[in-house]
Every structure is written in structure tokens, then in C-alpha cells.
Amino acid sequence: PAPLDDAAISSQLKAELDREPGIARGSVEPSVESGVVVLSGTVQDARQRTALRIAAENIPGVKRVVDDLREIDLAPSS
């Protein structure tokens, strides 16, 4: 597929976020500039972090993904 522009990359990535189970709306805010995606916000675990990074990397037009995500532990403390 043809590379997408920044707005289309952002739109597609936000749609992926909406489909990812366990990610609260607004907890991850991607930004895109010149094909470079910056993922910032919080995720529950490394699995979510990896899934988001791979989803971003697979969008046509993405040149690089910067992972600024933080993992939060939602397990109740004993």
C-alpha cells in the first residue's frame, strides 16, 4: 500500500487503539510528525506496549516509532 500522510497515520493508529482490549480511552496519546510516531501515556503491561508498537510499525508511511509509554500496575495491593 502507498504510504499514508501524518493525519492518516494518526487516524489509523487511533482506530487501532480503540480496538485494543484493556486500553482505557485517552490513556495513550499518539502523535505523528514526518512519519515518526510517538506513543505516550500509560498501558497495563508489556504485552499492550508491544502490541501498540507493532500496530504503529505496520502502518504504511511510518518511518519510526518512539515508545514513551509507561506501564502501570493495576493489581490490588495486599
PDB file of N, CA and C in Angstrom:
ATOM      1  N   PRO A   1       0.829  -1.212   0.000  1.00  0.00           N
ATOM      2  CA  PRO A   1       0.000   0.000   0.000  1.00  0.00           C
ATOM      3  C   PRO A   1       0.863   1.262   0.000  1.00  0.00           C
ATOM      4  N   ALA A   2       0.291   2.318  -0.516  1.00  0.00           N
ATOM      5  CA  ALA A   2       1.006   3.596  -0.567  1.00  0.00           C
ATOM      6  C   ALA A   2       1.172   4.156   0.840  1.00  0.00           C
ATOM      7  N   PRO A   3       2.295   4.820   1.108  1.00  0.00           N
ATOM      8  CA  PRO A   3       2.495   5.431   2.428  1.00  0.00           C
ATOM      9  C   PRO A   3       1.412   6.469   2.712  1.00  0.00           C
ATOM     10  N   LEU A   4       1.007   6.532   3.967  1.00  0.00           N
ATOM     11  CA  LEU A   4      -0.011   7.490   4.388  1.00  0.00           C
ATOM     12  C   LEU A   4       0.656   8.761   4.900  1.00  0.00           C
ATOM     13  N   ASP A   5      -0.100   9.873   4.861  1.00  0.00           N
ATOM     14  CA  ASP A   5       0.430  11.097   5.443  1.00  0.00           C
ATOM     15  C   ASP A   5       0.216  11.059   6.959  1.00  0.00           C
ATOM     16  N   ASP A   6       0.766  12.054   7.662  1.00  0.00           N
ATOM     17  CA  ASP A   6       0.718  12.056   9.129  1.00  0.00           C
ATOM     18  C   ASP A   6      -0.702  11.984   9.673  1.00  0.00           C
ATOM     19  N   ALA A   7      -1.634  12.724   9.085  1.00  0.00           N
ATOM     20  CA  ALA A   7      -3.019  12.731   9.573  1.00  0.00           C
ATOM     21  C   ALA A   7      -3.656  11.353   9.421  1.00  0.00           C
ATOM     22  N   ALA A   8      -3.408  10.700   8.293  1.00  0.00           N
ATOM     23  CA  ALA A   8      -3.977   9.375   8.059  1.00  0.00           C
ATOM     24  C   ALA A   8      -3.334   8.333   8.973  1.00  0.00           C
ATOM     25  N   ILE A   9      -2.031   8.451   9.211  1.00  0.00           N
ATOM     26  CA  ILE A   9      -1.347   7.550  10.148  1.00  0.00           C
ATOM     27  C   ILE A   9      -1.971   7.704  11.538  1.00  0.00           C
ATOM     28  N   SER A  10      -2.142   8.939  11.962  1.00  0.00           N
ATOM     29  CA  SER A  10      -2.725   9.216  13.277  1.00  0.00           C
ATOM     30  C   SER A  10      -4.129   8.640  13.390  1.00  0.00           C
ATOM     31  N   SER A  11      -4.927   8.837  12.370  1.00  0.00           N
ATOM     32  CA  SER A  11      -6.292   8.336  12.366  1.00  0.00           C
ATOM     33  C   SER A  11      -6.326   6.811  12.450  1.00  0.00           C
ATOM     34  N   GLN A  12      -5.492   6.151  11.668  1.00  0.00           N
ATOM     35  CA  GLN A  12      -5.453   4.696  11.671  1.00  0.00           C
ATOM     36  C   GLN A  12      -4.957   4.173  13.017  1.00  0.00           C
ATOM     37  N   LEU A  13      -3.974   4.836  13.597  1.00  0.00           N
ATOM     38  CA  LEU A  13      -3.442   4.401  14.878  1.00  0.00           C
ATOM     39  C   LEU A  13      -4.482   4.575  15.993  1.00  0.00           C
ATOM     40  N   LYS A  14      -5.226   5.659  15.959  1.00  0.00           N
ATOM     41  CA  LYS A  14      -6.276   5.863  16.965  1.00  0.00           C
ATOM     42  C   LYS A  14      -7.370   4.809  16.830  1.00  0.00           C
ATOM     43  N   ALA A  15      -7.665   4.395  15.605  1.00  0.00           N
ATOM     44  CA  ALA A  15      -8.638   3.318  15.403  1.00  0.00           C
ATOM     45  C   ALA A  15      -8.112   2.012  15.997  1.00  0.00           C
ATOM     46  N   GLU A  16      -6.813   1.757  15.849  1.00  0.00           N
ATOM     47  CA  GLU A  16      -6.201   0.567  16.454  1.00  0.00           C
ATOM     48  C   GLU A  16      -6.305   0.627  17.973  1.00  0.00           C
ATOM     49  N   LEU A  17      -6.090   1.789  18.543  1.00  0.00           N
ATOM     50  CA  LEU A  17      -6.191   1.945  19.993  1.00  0.00           C
ATOM     51  C   LEU A  17      -7.590   1.598  20.480  1.00  0.00           C
ATOM     52  N   ASP A  18      -8.598   2.023  19.721  1.00  0.00           N
ATOM     53  CA  ASP A  18      -9.982   1.739  20.102  1.00  0.00           C
ATOM     54  C   ASP A  18     -10.291   0.247  20.077  1.00  0.00           C
ATOM     55  N   ARG A  19      -9.579  -0.501  19.228  1.00  0.00           N
ATOM     56  CA  ARG A  19      -9.809  -1.946  19.113  1.00  0.00           C
ATOM     57  C   ARG A  19      -8.990  -2.759  20.115  1.00  0.00           C
ATOM     58  N   GLU A  20      -7.983  -2.162  20.703  1.00  0.00           N
ATOM     59  CA  GLU A  20      -7.104  -2.898  21.620  1.00  0.00           C
ATOM     60  C   GLU A  20      -7.791  -3.091  22.971  1.00  0.00           C
ATOM     61  N   PRO A  21      -8.030  -4.345  23.370  1.00  0.00           N
ATOM     62  CA  PRO A  21      -8.717  -4.582  24.642  1.00  0.00           C
ATOM     63  C   PRO A  21      -7.860  -4.148  25.831  1.00  0.00           C
ATOM     64  N   GLY A  22      -8.513  -3.591  26.811  1.00  0.00           N
ATOM     65  CA  GLY A  22      -7.822  -3.247  28.045  1.00  0.00           C
ATOM     66  C   GLY A  22      -7.149  -1.893  28.069  1.00  0.00           C
ATOM     67  N   ILE A  23      -7.193  -1.168  26.968  1.00  0.00           N
ATOM     68  CA  ILE A  23      -6.597   0.168  26.960  1.00  0.00           C
ATOM     69  C   ILE A  23      -7.716   1.177  27.136  1.00  0.00           C
ATOM     70  N   ALA A  24      -7.660   1.906  28.231  1.00  0.00           N
ATOM     71  CA  ALA A  24      -8.691   2.902  28.518  1.00  0.00           C
ATOM     72  C   ALA A  24      -8.595   4.045  27.522  1.00  0.00           C
ATOM     73  N   ARG A  25      -9.755   4.511  27.087  1.00  0.00           N
ATOM     74  CA  ARG A  25      -9.802   5.627  26.142  1.00  0.00           C
ATOM     75  C   ARG A  25      -9.069   6.830  26.749  1.00  0.00           C
ATOM     76  N   GLY A  26      -8.155   7.392  25.993  1.00  0.00           N
ATOM     77  CA  GLY A  26      -7.414   8.564  26.437  1.00  0.00           C
ATOM     78  C   GLY A  26      -6.159   8.253  27.241  1.00  0.00           C
ATOM     79  N   SER A  27      -5.906   6.958  27.523  1.00  0.00           N
ATOM     80  CA  SER A  27      -4.713   6.638  28.307  1.00  0.00           C
ATOM     81  C   SER A  27      -3.444   6.637  27.457  1.00  0.00           C
ATOM     82  N   VAL A  28      -3.593   6.501  26.135  1.00  0.00           N
ATOM     83  CA  VAL A  28      -2.465   6.564  25.211  1.00  0.00           C
ATOM     84  C   VAL A  28      -2.769   7.634  24.176  1.00  0.00           C
ATOM     85  N   GLU A  29      -1.832   8.556  24.009  1.00  0.00           N
ATOM     86  CA  GLU A  29      -1.985   9.628  23.029  1.00  0.00           C
ATOM     87  C   GLU A  29      -0.849   9.561  22.019  1.00  0.00           C
ATOM     88  N   PRO A  30      -1.130   9.053  20.837  1.00  0.00           N
ATOM     89  CA  PRO A  30      -0.086   9.022  19.814  1.00  0.00           C
ATOM     90  C   PRO A  30       0.022  10.377  19.111  1.00  0.00           C
ATOM     91  N   SER A  31       1.229  10.706  18.713  1.00  0.00           N
ATOM     92  CA  SER A  31       1.424  11.881  17.868  1.00  0.00           C
ATOM     93  C   SER A  31       2.279  11.446  16.684  1.00  0.00           C
ATOM     94  N   VAL A  32       2.106  12.140  15.564  1.00  0.00           N
ATOM     95  CA  VAL A  32       2.825  11.773  14.342  1.00  0.00           C
ATOM     96  C   VAL A  32       3.383  13.039  13.711  1.00  0.00           C
ATOM     97  N   GLU A  33       4.673  13.008  13.397  1.00  0.00           N
ATOM     98  CA  GLU A  33       5.299  14.123  12.683  1.00  0.00           C
ATOM     99  C   GLU A  33       6.324  13.570  11.711  1.00  0.00           C
ATOM    100  N   SER A  34       6.140  13.866  10.447  1.00  0.00           N
ATOM    101  CA  SER A  34       7.041  13.410   9.378  1.00  0.00           C
ATOM    102  C   SER A  34       7.222  11.893   9.384  1.00  0.00           C
ATOM    103  N   GLY A  35       6.129  11.172   9.664  1.00  0.00           N
ATOM    104  CA  GLY A  35       6.178   9.725   9.650  1.00  0.00           C
ATOM    105  C   GLY A  35       6.726   9.085  10.919  1.00  0.00           C
ATOM    106  N   VAL A  36       7.100   9.901  11.902  1.00  0.00           N
ATOM    107  CA  VAL A  36       7.603   9.384  13.176  1.00  0.00           C
ATOM    108  C   VAL A  36       6.459   9.408  14.186  1.00  0.00           C
ATOM    109  N   VAL A  37       6.130   8.227  14.718  1.00  0.00           N
ATOM    110  CA  VAL A  37       5.052   8.087  15.692  1.00  0.00           C
ATOM    111  C   VAL A  37       5.657   8.115  17.093  1.00  0.00           C
ATOM    112  N   VAL A  38       5.080   8.936  17.957  1.00  0.00           N
ATOM    113  CA  VAL A  38       5.461   8.947  19.366  1.00  0.00           C
ATOM    114  C   VAL A  38       4.265   8.438  20.155  1.00  0.00           C
ATOM    115  N   LEU A  39       4.461   7.339  20.868  1.00  0.00           N
ATOM    116  CA  LEU A  39       3.429   6.765  21.720  1.00  0.00           C
ATOM    117  C   LEU A  39       3.695   7.215  23.147  1.00  0.00           C
ATOM    118  N   SER A  40       2.772   7.971  23.716  1.00  0.00           N
ATOM    119  CA  SER A  40       2.938   8.400  25.100  1.00  0.00           C
ATOM    120  C   SER A  40       1.653   8.118  25.863  1.00  0.00           C
ATOM    121  N   GLY A  41       1.798   7.917  27.151  1.00  0.00           N
ATOM    122  CA  GLY A  41       0.667   7.606  28.002  1.00  0.00           C
ATOM    123  C   GLY A  41       0.960   6.378  28.828  1.00  0.00           C
ATOM    124  N   THR A  42      -0.106   5.682  29.250  1.00  0.00           N
ATOM    125  CA  THR A  42       0.072   4.530  30.123  1.00  0.00           C
ATOM    126  C   THR A  42      -0.615   3.294  29.555  1.00  0.00           C
ATOM    127  N   VAL A  43       0.015   2.153  29.795  1.00  0.00           N
ATOM    128  CA  VAL A  43      -0.538   0.848  29.453  1.00  0.00           C
ATOM    129  C   VAL A  43      -0.437  -0.038  30.683  1.00  0.00           C
ATOM    130  N   GLN A  44      -1.171  -1.147  30.664  1.00  0.00           N
ATOM    131  CA  GLN A  44      -1.190  -2.038  31.826  1.00  0.00           C
ATOM    132  C   GLN A  44       0.037  -2.937  31.914  1.00  0.00           C
ATOM    133  N   ASP A  45       0.589  -3.320  30.758  1.00  0.00           N
ATOM    134  CA  ASP A  45       1.692  -4.276  30.804  1.00  0.00           C
ATOM    135  C   ASP A  45       2.503  -4.247  29.511  1.00  0.00           C
ATOM    136  N   ALA A  46       3.560  -5.052  29.499  1.00  0.00           N
ATOM    137  CA  ALA A  46       4.456  -5.109  28.343  1.00  0.00           C
ATOM    138  C   ALA A  46       3.752  -5.638  27.099  1.00  0.00           C
ATOM    139  N   ARG A  47       2.746  -6.505  27.276  1.00  0.00           N
ATOM    140  CA  ARG A  47       2.015  -7.050  26.129  1.00  0.00           C
ATOM    141  C   ARG A  47       1.306  -5.932  25.376  1.00  0.00           C
ATOM    142  N   GLN A  48       0.652  -5.049  26.106  1.00  0.00           N
ATOM    143  CA  GLN A  48      -0.023  -3.919  25.461  1.00  0.00           C
ATOM    144  C   GLN A  48       0.989  -2.994  24.792  1.00  0.00           C
ATOM    145  N   ARG A  49       2.091  -2.740  25.469  1.00  0.00           N
ATOM    146  CA  ARG A  49       3.137  -1.878  24.908  1.00  0.00           C
ATOM    147  C   ARG A  49       3.625  -2.444  23.577  1.00  0.00           C
ATOM    148  N   THR A  50       3.916  -3.735  23.551  1.00  0.00           N
ATOM    149  CA  THR A  50       4.405  -4.382  22.332  1.00  0.00           C
ATOM    150  C   THR A  50       3.348  -4.347  21.233  1.00  0.00           C
ATOM    151  N   ALA A  51       2.103  -4.634  21.583  1.00  0.00           N
ATOM    152  CA  ALA A  51       1.018  -4.637  20.588  1.00  0.00           C
ATOM    153  C   ALA A  51       0.865  -3.263  19.943  1.00  0.00           C
ATOM    154  N   LEU A  52       0.931  -2.211  20.741  1.00  0.00           N
ATOM    155  CA  LEU A  52       0.790  -0.856  20.190  1.00  0.00           C
ATOM    156  C   LEU A  52       1.965  -0.488  19.292  1.00  0.00           C
ATOM    157  N   ARG A  53       3.157  -0.849  19.725  1.00  0.00           N
ATOM    158  CA  ARG A  53       4.338  -0.548  18.917  1.00  0.00           C
ATOM    159  C   ARG A  53       4.272  -1.271  17.576  1.00  0.00           C
ATOM    160  N   ILE A  54       3.885  -2.548  17.592  1.00  0.00           N
ATOM    161  CA  ILE A  54       3.782  -3.317  16.349  1.00  0.00           C
ATOM    162  C   ILE A  54       2.677  -2.756  15.457  1.00  0.00           C
ATOM    163  N   ALA A  55       1.545  -2.387  16.057  1.00  0.00           N
ATOM    164  CA  ALA A  55       0.454  -1.798  15.268  1.00  0.00           C
ATOM    165  C   ALA A  55       0.929  -0.534  14.568  1.00  0.00           C
ATOM    166  N   ALA A  56       1.657   0.298  15.275  1.00  0.00           N
ATOM    167  CA  ALA A  56       2.161   1.541  14.672  1.00  0.00           C
ATOM    168  C   ALA A  56       3.173   1.239  13.571  1.00  0.00           C
ATOM    169  N   GLU A  57       4.079   0.299  13.825  1.00  0.00           N
ATOM    170  CA  GLU A  57       5.117  -0.039  12.837  1.00  0.00           C
ATOM    171  C   GLU A  57       4.530  -0.583  11.544  1.00  0.00           C
ATOM    172  N   ASN A  58       3.353  -1.189  11.614  1.00  0.00           N
ATOM    173  CA  ASN A  58       2.742  -1.817  10.437  1.00  0.00           C
ATOM    174  C   ASN A  58       1.879  -0.868   9.607  1.00  0.00           C
ATOM    175  N   ILE A  59       1.779   0.377   9.996  1.00  0.00           N
ATOM    176  CA  ILE A  59       1.007   1.347   9.217  1.00  0.00           C
ATOM    177  C   ILE A  59       1.900   1.892   8.111  1.00  0.00           C
ATOM    178  N   PRO A  60       1.439   1.823   6.855  1.00  0.00           N
ATOM    179  CA  PRO A  60       2.253   2.341   5.746  1.00  0.00           C
ATOM    180  C   PRO A  60       2.577   3.826   5.947  1.00  0.00           C
ATOM    181  N   GLY A  61       3.843   4.166   5.787  1.00  0.00           N
ATOM    182  CA  GLY A  61       4.260   5.558   5.939  1.00  0.00           C
ATOM    183  C   GLY A  61       4.959   5.842   7.259  1.00  0.00           C
ATOM    184  N   VAL A  62       4.842   4.923   8.217  1.00  0.00           N
ATOM    185  CA  VAL A  62       5.530   5.105   9.499  1.00  0.00           C
ATOM    186  C   VAL A  62       7.008   4.783   9.299  1.00  0.00           C
ATOM    187  N   LYS A  63       7.846   5.756   9.640  1.00  0.00           N
ATOM    188  CA  LYS A  63       9.290   5.595   9.473  1.00  0.00           C
ATOM    189  C   LYS A  63       9.951   5.080  10.741  1.00  0.00           C
ATOM    190  N   ARG A  64       9.386   5.468  11.891  1.00  0.00           N
ATOM    191  CA  ARG A  64       9.983   5.096  13.170  1.00  0.00           C
ATOM    192  C   ARG A  64       8.928   5.238  14.256  1.00  0.00           C
ATOM    193  N   VAL A  65       9.056   4.451  15.320  1.00  0.00           N
ATOM    194  CA  VAL A  65       8.145   4.538  16.463  1.00  0.00           C
ATOM    195  C   VAL A  65       8.979   4.827  17.710  1.00  0.00           C
ATOM    196  N   VAL A  66       8.605   5.884  18.416  1.00  0.00           N
ATOM    197  CA  VAL A  66       9.250   6.232  19.677  1.00  0.00           C
ATOM    198  C   VAL A  66       8.302   5.817  20.797  1.00  0.00           C
ATOM    199  N   ASP A  67       8.784   4.960  21.679  1.00  0.00           N
ATOM    200  CA  ASP A  67       7.962   4.415  22.763  1.00  0.00           C
ATOM    201  C   ASP A  67       8.227   5.198  24.047  1.00  0.00           C
ATOM    202  N   ASP A  68       7.308   6.098  24.380  1.00  0.00           N
ATOM    203  CA  ASP A  68       7.376   6.850  25.638  1.00  0.00           C
ATOM    204  C   ASP A  68       6.281   6.374  26.595  1.00  0.00           C
ATOM    205  N   LEU A  69       5.818   5.152  26.414  1.00  0.00           N
ATOM    206  CA  LEU A  69       4.746   4.617  27.245  1.00  0.00           C
ATOM    207  C   LEU A  69       5.270   4.234  28.631  1.00  0.00           C
ATOM    208  N   ARG A  70       4.375   4.323  29.610  1.00  0.00           N
ATOM    209  CA  ARG A  70       4.683   3.882  30.972  1.00  0.00           C
ATOM    210  C   ARG A  70       3.739   2.735  31.312  1.00  0.00           C
ATOM    211  N   GLU A  71       4.270   1.741  32.000  1.00  0.00           N
ATOM    212  CA  GLU A  71       3.441   0.622  32.453  1.00  0.00           C
ATOM    213  C   GLU A  71       2.960   0.909  33.869  1.00  0.00           C
ATOM    214  N   ILE A  72       1.669   0.682  34.101  1.00  0.00           N
ATOM    215  CA  ILE A  72       1.117   0.871  35.432  1.00  0.00           C
ATOM    216  C   ILE A  72       0.621  -0.470  35.952  1.00  0.00           C
ATOM    217  N   ASP A  73       0.804  -0.706  37.199  1.00  0.00           N
ATOM    218  CA  ASP A  73       0.366  -1.958  37.813  1.00  0.00           C
ATOM    219  C   ASP A  73      -1.008  -1.754  38.400  1.00  0.00           C
ATOM    220  N   LEU A  74      -2.016  -2.437  37.819  1.00  0.00           N
ATOM    221  CA  LEU A  74      -3.368  -2.290  38.298  1.00  0.00           C
ATOM    222  C   LEU A  74      -3.765  -3.376  39.293  1.00  0.00           C
ATOM    223  N   ALA A  75      -2.813  -4.237  39.642  1.00  0.00           N
ATOM    224  CA  ALA A  75      -3.129  -5.292  40.598  1.00  0.00           C
ATOM    225  C   ALA A  75      -3.364  -4.680  41.981  1.00  0.00           C
ATOM    226  N   PRO A  76      -4.378  -5.160  42.689  1.00  0.00           N
ATOM    227  CA  PRO A  76      -4.635  -4.610  44.022  1.00  0.00           C
ATOM    228  C   PRO A  76      -3.474  -4.946  44.964  1.00  0.00           C
ATOM    229  N   SER A  77      -3.122  -3.991  45.791  1.00  0.00           N
ATOM    230  CA  SER A  77      -2.025  -4.239  46.742  1.00  0.00           C
ATOM    231  C   SER A  77      -2.555  -5.018  47.937  1.00  0.00           C
ATOM    232  N   SER A  78      -1.717  -5.880  48.481  1.00  0.00           N
ATOM    233  CA  SER A  78      -2.148  -6.734  49.588  1.00  0.00           C
ATOM    234  C   SER A  78      -1.859  -6.084  50.910  1.00  0.00           C
TER     235      SER A  78
END
